Amino acid sequence: MAQKKIRNTYASHQSAFSLIEVLIFTALIAIVLIGMSYVTLLSVRGARFSEDKTKALRYGQQLQEWLRGQKELQWNTFVSSLSEQTYCVNTLPSSMSDFSALEGVCATHALASKYKRELTIDTIAADGSQVSFTITVFWNDGGSVQRATVSSAFSVLE
């Protein structure tokens, strides 16, 4: 009878998990879950960056198309309203005659409360036949400033 009791005790210890095994299993599950959470966080962060960059490029293209429209209306007014400097264009002006009020870099992110849009006139041909420019849209992303750039050149003959 004593041997039978010893065997049963030994058998019950063989089939049960020890506390150390349970702790190791729990730690492994925790590490896997933390890893999955980190991968999810990186995916969400990447998706948000892509969305912000897409919006920034759209804001840049919006200004580019507005400038193209102003150029098509009257080339001479378009060229005479610009000088080789930077303009803060968070909101589109009603016409090129209002453009001089936008001189200087943007102080705040006033475009959709997250972006700021600057137009830099790179060169104006001496004869006024061509204007090249760069539109840069800035936004804050997790403490760092990001930017999207659209560059173009307009000619009188386009």
N, C-alpha and C. Protein backbone atom coordinates (compact mmCIF):
# COMPACT_ATOMS: atom_id res chain seq x y z
N MET A 1 0.82 -1.17 0.00
CA MET A 1 0.00 0.00 0.00
C MET A 1 0.88 1.25 0.00
N ALA A 2 1.95 1.26 0.72
CA ALA A 2 2.85 2.41 0.78
C ALA A 2 3.48 2.65 -0.58
N GLN A 3 3.81 1.57 -1.29
CA GLN A 3 4.39 1.72 -2.63
C GLN A 3 3.37 2.30 -3.61
N LYS A 4 2.11 1.88 -3.47
CA LYS A 4 1.07 2.38 -4.35
C LYS A 4 0.87 3.88 -4.13
N LYS A 5 0.92 4.33 -2.89
CA LYS A 5 0.75 5.74 -2.57
C LYS A 5 1.92 6.55 -3.12
N ILE A 6 3.12 6.04 -3.05
CA ILE A 6 4.29 6.73 -3.58
C ILE A 6 4.18 6.84 -5.10
N ARG A 7 3.73 5.77 -5.76
CA ARG A 7 3.58 5.81 -7.21
C ARG A 7 2.52 6.84 -7.63
N ASN A 8 1.41 6.89 -6.92
CA ASN A 8 0.35 7.86 -7.25
C ASN A 8 0.86 9.29 -7.08
N THR A 9 1.62 9.53 -6.04
CA THR A 9 2.17 10.86 -5.81
C THR A 9 3.16 11.21 -6.91
N TYR A 10 3.98 10.27 -7.30
CA TYR A 10 4.96 10.47 -8.36
C TYR A 10 4.24 10.70 -9.70
N ALA A 11 3.21 9.95 -9.97
CA ALA A 11 2.44 10.07 -11.21
C ALA A 11 1.73 11.42 -11.27
N SER A 12 1.21 11.90 -10.16
CA SER A 12 0.51 13.18 -10.18
C SER A 12 1.50 14.33 -10.40
N HIS A 13 2.72 14.20 -9.95
CA HIS A 13 3.73 15.22 -10.20
C HIS A 13 4.17 15.20 -11.65
N GLN A 14 4.16 14.08 -12.29
CA GLN A 14 4.56 13.97 -13.69
C GLN A 14 3.54 14.63 -14.63
N SER A 15 2.27 14.54 -14.32
CA SER A 15 1.24 15.05 -15.22
C SER A 15 0.92 16.52 -14.97
N ALA A 16 1.30 17.09 -13.90
CA ALA A 16 1.00 18.49 -13.59
C ALA A 16 2.15 19.39 -14.07
N PHE A 17 1.84 20.69 -14.31
CA PHE A 17 2.86 21.67 -14.68
C PHE A 17 3.43 22.28 -13.42
N SER A 18 4.71 22.49 -13.45
CA SER A 18 5.33 23.15 -12.29
C SER A 18 5.11 24.66 -12.42
N LEU A 19 5.29 25.35 -11.35
CA LEU A 19 5.11 26.80 -11.33
C LEU A 19 6.10 27.48 -12.28
N ILE A 20 7.29 26.98 -12.38
CA ILE A 20 8.29 27.55 -13.28
C ILE A 20 7.85 27.41 -14.73
N GLU A 21 7.30 26.26 -15.10
CA GLU A 21 6.82 26.07 -16.47
C GLU A 21 5.69 27.04 -16.80
N VAL A 22 4.80 27.25 -15.86
CA VAL A 22 3.69 28.19 -16.07
C VAL A 22 4.22 29.60 -16.23
N LEU A 23 5.20 29.99 -15.42
CA LEU A 23 5.78 31.33 -15.52
C LEU A 23 6.50 31.52 -16.86
N ILE A 24 7.23 30.52 -17.30
CA ILE A 24 7.93 30.61 -18.59
C ILE A 24 6.91 30.74 -19.72
N PHE A 25 5.86 29.95 -19.70
CA PHE A 25 4.82 30.02 -20.72
C PHE A 25 4.15 31.40 -20.72
N THR A 26 3.85 31.92 -19.55
CA THR A 26 3.22 33.24 -19.44
C THR A 26 4.16 34.32 -19.96
N ALA A 27 5.44 34.23 -19.66
CA ALA A 27 6.41 35.21 -20.14
C ALA A 27 6.53 35.16 -21.66
N LEU A 28 6.54 33.96 -22.23
CA LEU A 28 6.61 33.83 -23.69
C LEU A 28 5.37 34.43 -24.36
N ILE A 29 4.21 34.17 -23.81
CA ILE A 29 2.97 34.74 -24.36
C ILE A 29 3.01 36.26 -24.26
N ALA A 30 3.50 36.79 -23.14
CA ALA A 30 3.59 38.24 -22.97
C ALA A 30 4.54 38.85 -23.99
N ILE A 31 5.67 38.21 -24.23
CA ILE A 31 6.64 38.71 -25.22
C ILE A 31 6.02 38.72 -26.61
N VAL A 32 5.31 37.66 -26.96
CA VAL A 32 4.66 37.59 -28.28
C VAL A 32 3.62 38.69 -28.41
N LEU A 33 2.81 38.90 -27.39
CA LEU A 33 1.77 39.94 -27.44
C LEU A 33 2.38 41.35 -27.52
N ILE A 34 3.45 41.58 -26.79
CA ILE A 34 4.13 42.87 -26.86
C ILE A 34 4.71 43.09 -28.25
N GLY A 35 5.30 42.06 -28.81
CA GLY A 35 5.84 42.15 -30.18
C GLY A 35 4.76 42.45 -31.20
N MET A 36 3.62 41.79 -31.08
CA MET A 36 2.50 42.04 -31.99
C MET A 36 1.97 43.47 -31.83
N SER A 37 1.92 43.95 -30.61
CA SER A 37 1.47 45.32 -30.36
C SER A 37 2.43 46.33 -30.98
N TYR A 38 3.71 46.07 -30.89
CA TYR A 38 4.72 46.96 -31.46
C TYR A 38 4.61 47.00 -32.99
N VAL A 39 4.43 45.84 -33.60
CA VAL A 39 4.26 45.79 -35.06
C VAL A 39 3.00 46.55 -35.47
N THR A 40 1.93 46.40 -34.72
CA THR A 40 0.69 47.14 -35.01
C THR A 40 0.92 48.64 -34.88
N LEU A 41 1.64 49.05 -33.85
CA LEU A 41 1.94 50.47 -33.65
C LEU A 41 2.74 51.02 -34.83
N LEU A 42 3.74 50.29 -35.29
CA LEU A 42 4.53 50.73 -36.43
C LEU A 42 3.67 50.83 -37.69
N SER A 43 2.76 49.89 -37.87
CA SER A 43 1.87 49.92 -39.04
C SER A 43 0.96 51.13 -39.00
N VAL A 44 0.39 51.42 -37.85
CA VAL A 44 -0.50 52.58 -37.72
C VAL A 44 0.28 53.87 -37.94
N ARG A 45 1.48 53.94 -37.39
CA ARG A 45 2.31 55.13 -37.56
C ARG A 45 2.67 55.33 -39.04
N GLY A 46 3.01 54.24 -39.72
CA GLY A 46 3.33 54.33 -41.14
C GLY A 46 2.13 54.73 -41.98
N ALA A 47 0.97 54.20 -41.64
CA ALA A 47 -0.25 54.56 -42.37
C ALA A 47 -0.60 56.03 -42.16
N ARG A 48 -0.42 56.52 -40.94
CA ARG A 48 -0.71 57.93 -40.66
C ARG A 48 0.27 58.83 -41.42
N PHE A 49 1.54 58.45 -41.47
CA PHE A 49 2.52 59.23 -42.22
C PHE A 49 2.15 59.28 -43.70
N SER A 50 1.76 58.13 -44.25
CA SER A 50 1.36 58.09 -45.66
C SER A 50 0.15 58.97 -45.93
N GLU A 51 -0.81 58.94 -45.03
CA GLU A 51 -2.00 59.78 -45.18
C GLU A 51 -1.63 61.26 -45.12
N ASP A 52 -0.77 61.63 -44.16
CA ASP A 52 -0.35 63.02 -44.03
C ASP A 52 0.43 63.48 -45.27
N LYS A 53 1.30 62.62 -45.78
CA LYS A 53 2.08 62.99 -46.97
C LYS A 53 1.18 63.13 -48.19
N THR A 54 0.19 62.26 -48.32
CA THR A 54 -0.76 62.36 -49.43
C THR A 54 -1.52 63.68 -49.37
N LYS A 55 -1.99 64.05 -48.18
CA LYS A 55 -2.69 65.32 -48.03
C LYS A 55 -1.76 66.50 -48.33
N ALA A 56 -0.53 66.42 -47.87
CA ALA A 56 0.43 67.50 -48.11
C ALA A 56 0.68 67.66 -49.61
N LEU A 57 0.86 66.56 -50.31
CA LEU A 57 1.06 66.63 -51.76
C LEU A 57 -0.18 67.21 -52.46
N ARG A 58 -1.35 66.86 -51.96
CA ARG A 58 -2.58 67.40 -52.54
C ARG A 58 -2.65 68.91 -52.34
N TYR A 59 -2.26 69.39 -51.15
CA TYR A 59 -2.23 70.84 -50.90
C TYR A 59 -1.21 71.52 -51.82
N GLY A 60 -0.08 70.87 -52.05
CA GLY A 60 0.92 71.43 -52.96
C GLY A 60 0.40 71.49 -54.39
N GLN A 61 -0.26 70.43 -54.83
CA GLN A 61 -0.82 70.40 -56.18
C GLN A 61 -1.96 71.40 -56.33
N GLN A 62 -2.71 71.61 -55.25
CA GLN A 62 -3.80 72.59 -55.29
C GLN A 62 -3.24 73.99 -55.59
N LEU A 63 -2.16 74.36 -54.92
CA LEU A 63 -1.54 75.66 -55.18
C LEU A 63 -0.95 75.70 -56.58
N GLN A 64 -0.34 74.62 -57.01
CA GLN A 64 0.23 74.56 -58.36
C GLN A 64 -0.86 74.79 -59.42
N GLU A 65 -2.01 74.16 -59.25
CA GLU A 65 -3.11 74.34 -60.20
C GLU A 65 -3.67 75.76 -60.13
N TRP A 66 -3.73 76.34 -58.94
CA TRP A 66 -4.19 77.72 -58.82
C TRP A 66 -3.24 78.66 -59.56
N LEU A 67 -1.94 78.44 -59.38
CA LEU A 67 -0.95 79.26 -60.09
C LEU A 67 -1.08 79.08 -61.61
N ARG A 68 -1.30 77.85 -62.03
CA ARG A 68 -1.47 77.59 -63.46
C ARG A 68 -2.69 78.36 -64.00
N GLY A 69 -3.76 78.37 -63.24
CA GLY A 69 -4.95 79.12 -63.65
C GLY A 69 -4.68 80.61 -63.74
N GLN A 70 -3.92 81.16 -62.77
CA GLN A 70 -3.58 82.58 -62.80
C GLN A 70 -2.68 82.90 -63.99
N LYS A 71 -1.78 82.00 -64.28
CA LYS A 71 -0.89 82.17 -65.44
C LYS A 71 -1.69 82.21 -66.73
N GLU A 72 -2.68 81.34 -66.83
CA GLU A 72 -3.51 81.28 -68.04
C GLU A 72 -4.37 82.53 -68.19
N LEU A 73 -4.79 83.12 -67.08
CA LEU A 73 -5.62 84.32 -67.16
C LEU A 73 -4.86 85.49 -67.77
N GLN A 74 -3.66 85.75 -67.25
CA GLN A 74 -2.89 86.90 -67.74
C GLN A 74 -1.43 86.71 -67.34
N TRP A 75 -0.61 86.32 -68.30
CA TRP A 75 0.80 86.03 -68.03
C TRP A 75 1.53 87.24 -67.45
N ASN A 76 1.35 88.41 -68.02
CA ASN A 76 2.10 89.59 -67.56
C ASN A 76 1.76 89.95 -66.12
N THR A 77 0.49 89.85 -65.74
CA THR A 77 0.10 90.11 -64.35
C THR A 77 0.69 89.04 -63.43
N PHE A 78 0.69 87.80 -63.90
CA PHE A 78 1.25 86.69 -63.13
C PHE A 78 2.72 86.95 -62.82
N VAL A 79 3.50 87.25 -63.84
CA VAL A 79 4.94 87.45 -63.66
C VAL A 79 5.23 88.70 -62.84
N SER A 80 4.52 89.77 -63.09
CA SER A 80 4.80 91.03 -62.38
C SER A 80 4.41 90.97 -60.90
N SER A 81 3.53 90.05 -60.54
CA SER A 81 3.10 89.92 -59.13
C SER A 81 4.08 89.12 -58.29
N LEU A 82 5.05 88.48 -58.92
CA LEU A 82 5.98 87.59 -58.22
C LEU A 82 7.38 88.19 -58.16
N SER A 83 8.11 87.80 -57.13
CA SER A 83 9.54 88.10 -57.06
C SER A 83 10.23 86.87 -56.48
N GLU A 84 11.52 86.79 -56.66
CA GLU A 84 12.28 85.62 -56.22
C GLU A 84 12.41 85.62 -54.71
N GLN A 85 11.40 85.09 -54.05
CA GLN A 85 11.37 85.00 -52.59
C GLN A 85 10.37 83.92 -52.18
N THR A 86 10.10 83.84 -50.88
CA THR A 86 9.17 82.84 -50.35
C THR A 86 7.87 83.52 -49.95
N TYR A 87 6.77 82.82 -50.21
CA TYR A 87 5.43 83.31 -49.86
C TYR A 87 4.74 82.27 -48.99
N CYS A 88 4.01 82.74 -48.00
CA CYS A 88 3.20 81.85 -47.16
C CYS A 88 1.80 81.80 -47.76
N VAL A 89 1.41 80.64 -48.27
CA VAL A 89 0.14 80.52 -48.99
C VAL A 89 -0.73 79.47 -48.30
N ASN A 90 -1.03 79.69 -47.03
CA ASN A 90 -1.92 78.76 -46.32
C ASN A 90 -3.35 78.84 -46.85
N THR A 91 -3.74 80.02 -47.32
CA THR A 91 -5.04 80.16 -47.99
C THR A 91 -4.79 80.77 -49.36
N LEU A 92 -5.55 80.34 -50.33
CA LEU A 92 -5.37 80.85 -51.68
C LEU A 92 -5.95 82.26 -51.78
N PRO A 93 -5.19 83.21 -52.33
CA PRO A 93 -5.72 84.56 -52.48
C PRO A 93 -6.78 84.59 -53.59
N SER A 94 -7.55 85.66 -53.62
CA SER A 94 -8.59 85.75 -54.65
C SER A 94 -8.00 86.05 -56.02
N SER A 95 -6.86 86.73 -56.06
CA SER A 95 -6.22 87.03 -57.34
C SER A 95 -4.73 87.26 -57.12
N MET A 96 -3.99 87.40 -58.21
CA MET A 96 -2.55 87.64 -58.12
C MET A 96 -2.25 89.00 -57.52
N SER A 97 -3.17 89.94 -57.61
CA SER A 97 -2.92 91.27 -57.04
C SER A 97 -2.82 91.22 -55.51
N ASP A 98 -3.39 90.19 -54.90
CA ASP A 98 -3.31 90.02 -53.44
C ASP A 98 -2.08 89.23 -53.00
N PHE A 99 -1.26 88.82 -53.95
CA PHE A 99 -0.16 87.92 -53.64
C PHE A 99 0.94 88.57 -52.82
N SER A 100 1.18 89.85 -53.00
CA SER A 100 2.28 90.51 -52.27
C SER A 100 2.05 90.49 -50.76
N ALA A 101 0.79 90.38 -50.33
CA ALA A 101 0.49 90.32 -48.89
C ALA A 101 0.95 89.01 -48.26
N LEU A 102 1.30 88.04 -49.08
CA LEU A 102 1.70 86.72 -48.58
C LEU A 102 3.21 86.55 -48.45
N GLU A 103 3.97 87.60 -48.65
CA GLU A 103 5.43 87.50 -48.61
C GLU A 103 5.92 87.02 -47.25
N GLY A 104 6.93 86.16 -47.28
CA GLY A 104 7.55 85.66 -46.06
C GLY A 104 7.18 84.22 -45.78
N VAL A 105 7.93 83.60 -44.88
CA VAL A 105 7.67 82.20 -44.53
C VAL A 105 6.51 82.13 -43.55
N CYS A 106 5.88 80.97 -43.50
CA CYS A 106 4.73 80.76 -42.61
C CYS A 106 5.20 80.61 -41.17
N ALA A 107 4.54 81.29 -40.27
CA ALA A 107 4.88 81.18 -38.85
C ALA A 107 4.15 80.03 -38.19
N THR A 108 2.95 79.72 -38.66
CA THR A 108 2.14 78.69 -38.01
C THR A 108 1.63 77.69 -39.03
N HIS A 109 1.18 76.57 -38.51
CA HIS A 109 0.56 75.53 -39.33
C HIS A 109 -0.94 75.82 -39.40
N ALA A 110 -1.31 76.75 -40.26
CA ALA A 110 -2.70 77.21 -40.31
C ALA A 110 -3.54 76.49 -41.37
N LEU A 111 -2.94 75.72 -42.22
CA LEU A 111 -3.68 75.01 -43.26
C LEU A 111 -4.21 73.72 -42.68
N ALA A 112 -5.51 73.64 -42.52
CA ALA A 112 -6.18 72.48 -41.91
C ALA A 112 -5.62 72.20 -40.51
N SER A 113 -5.13 73.22 -39.84
CA SER A 113 -4.60 73.16 -38.47
C SER A 113 -3.40 72.23 -38.30
N LYS A 114 -2.85 71.73 -39.40
CA LYS A 114 -1.74 70.80 -39.29
C LYS A 114 -0.61 71.11 -40.26
N TYR A 115 -0.92 71.76 -41.34
CA TYR A 115 0.04 71.97 -42.43
C TYR A 115 0.34 73.46 -42.60
N LYS A 116 1.49 73.73 -43.18
CA LYS A 116 1.78 75.08 -43.66
C LYS A 116 2.38 74.94 -45.06
N ARG A 117 1.96 75.84 -45.94
CA ARG A 117 2.31 75.74 -47.36
C ARG A 117 3.08 76.99 -47.77
N GLU A 118 4.28 76.76 -48.29
CA GLU A 118 5.13 77.86 -48.72
C GLU A 118 5.48 77.71 -50.19
N LEU A 119 5.45 78.83 -50.88
CA LEU A 119 5.82 78.90 -52.29
C LEU A 119 7.13 79.67 -52.38
N THR A 120 8.14 79.06 -52.96
CA THR A 120 9.41 79.73 -53.18
C THR A 120 9.60 79.92 -54.67
N ILE A 121 9.70 81.17 -55.09
CA ILE A 121 9.98 81.46 -56.49
C ILE A 121 11.49 81.32 -56.66
N ASP A 122 11.90 80.30 -57.39
CA ASP A 122 13.32 80.01 -57.55
C ASP A 122 13.96 80.97 -58.55
N THR A 123 13.38 81.06 -59.74
CA THR A 123 13.92 81.97 -60.76
C THR A 123 12.79 82.55 -61.60
N ILE A 124 13.01 83.77 -62.00
CA ILE A 124 12.16 84.42 -63.00
C ILE A 124 13.12 84.84 -64.11
N ALA A 125 12.87 84.36 -65.32
CA ALA A 125 13.75 84.69 -66.44
C ALA A 125 13.80 86.21 -66.63
N ALA A 126 14.97 86.69 -67.03
CA ALA A 126 15.18 88.13 -67.19
C ALA A 126 14.17 88.75 -68.16
N ASP A 127 13.79 88.00 -69.18
CA ASP A 127 12.81 88.53 -70.14
C ASP A 127 11.37 88.24 -69.72
N GLY A 128 11.19 87.62 -68.54
CA GLY A 128 9.85 87.34 -68.02
C GLY A 128 9.13 86.22 -68.73
N SER A 129 9.88 85.38 -69.44
CA SER A 129 9.24 84.31 -70.22
C SER A 129 9.07 83.01 -69.44
N GLN A 130 9.71 82.88 -68.29
CA GLN A 130 9.62 81.64 -67.53
C GLN A 130 9.74 81.92 -66.03
N VAL A 131 8.97 81.16 -65.26
CA VAL A 131 9.02 81.23 -63.79
C VAL A 131 9.16 79.81 -63.28
N SER A 132 10.18 79.56 -62.47
CA SER A 132 10.30 78.24 -61.83
C SER A 132 10.09 78.43 -60.33
N PHE A 133 9.44 77.45 -59.72
CA PHE A 133 9.07 77.59 -58.31
C PHE A 133 9.03 76.23 -57.63
N THR A 134 9.05 76.29 -56.31
CA THR A 134 8.94 75.09 -55.47
C THR A 134 7.88 75.36 -54.41
N ILE A 135 6.96 74.42 -54.29
CA ILE A 135 5.93 74.49 -53.25
C ILE A 135 6.31 73.45 -52.21
N THR A 136 6.43 73.88 -50.96
CA THR A 136 6.77 72.97 -49.87
C THR A 136 5.66 73.02 -48.83
N VAL A 137 5.15 71.86 -48.50
CA VAL A 137 4.11 71.75 -47.47
C VAL A 137 4.74 71.04 -46.28
N PHE A 138 4.67 71.67 -45.11
CA PHE A 138 5.27 71.14 -43.88
C PHE A 138 4.16 70.65 -42.95
N TRP A 139 4.48 69.64 -42.14
CA TRP A 139 3.59 69.21 -41.07
C TRP A 139 4.42 68.54 -39.99
N ASN A 140 3.89 68.54 -38.76
CA ASN A 140 4.56 67.89 -37.64
C ASN A 140 4.09 66.45 -37.55
N ASP A 141 5.06 65.56 -37.38
CA ASP A 141 4.75 64.14 -37.28
C ASP A 141 5.55 63.55 -36.13
N GLY A 142 4.92 63.39 -35.00
CA GLY A 142 5.58 62.79 -33.85
C GLY A 142 6.79 63.56 -33.38
N GLY A 143 6.73 64.86 -33.38
CA GLY A 143 7.83 65.67 -32.88
C GLY A 143 8.84 66.08 -33.93
N SER A 144 8.76 65.54 -35.13
CA SER A 144 9.67 65.96 -36.19
C SER A 144 8.88 66.62 -37.32
N VAL A 145 9.52 67.55 -37.98
CA VAL A 145 8.87 68.27 -39.08
C VAL A 145 9.12 67.51 -40.37
N GLN A 146 8.04 67.19 -41.05
CA GLN A 146 8.11 66.49 -42.34
C GLN A 146 7.77 67.49 -43.44
N ARG A 147 8.10 67.14 -44.67
CA ARG A 147 7.80 68.03 -45.79
C ARG A 147 7.51 67.23 -47.05
N ALA A 148 6.66 67.81 -47.88
CA ALA A 148 6.39 67.29 -49.22
C ALA A 148 6.61 68.44 -50.19
N THR A 149 7.26 68.16 -51.31
CA THR A 149 7.67 69.21 -52.23
C THR A 149 7.11 68.96 -53.62
N VAL A 150 6.65 70.04 -54.23
CA VAL A 150 6.20 70.02 -55.63
C VAL A 150 6.97 71.13 -56.34
N SER A 151 7.70 70.79 -57.39
CA SER A 151 8.45 71.78 -58.16
C SER A 151 7.90 71.85 -59.57
N SER A 152 7.97 73.05 -60.15
CA SER A 152 7.45 73.22 -61.50
C SER A 152 8.03 74.47 -62.12
N ALA A 153 7.81 74.62 -63.41
CA ALA A 153 8.20 75.83 -64.13
C ALA A 153 7.10 76.14 -65.14
N PHE A 154 6.74 77.40 -65.22
CA PHE A 154 5.74 77.84 -66.19
C PHE A 154 6.42 78.74 -67.20
N SER A 155 5.99 78.61 -68.44
CA SER A 155 6.50 79.45 -69.52
C SER A 155 5.35 80.21 -70.15
N VAL A 156 5.67 81.30 -70.77
CA VAL A 156 4.66 82.11 -71.42
C VAL A 156 4.01 81.34 -72.57
N LEU A 157 4.70 80.41 -73.17
CA LEU A 157 4.20 79.70 -74.35
C LEU A 157 3.45 78.41 -74.02
N GLU A 158 3.29 78.06 -72.77
CA GLU A 158 2.60 76.81 -72.41
C GLU A 158 1.14 76.89 -72.72
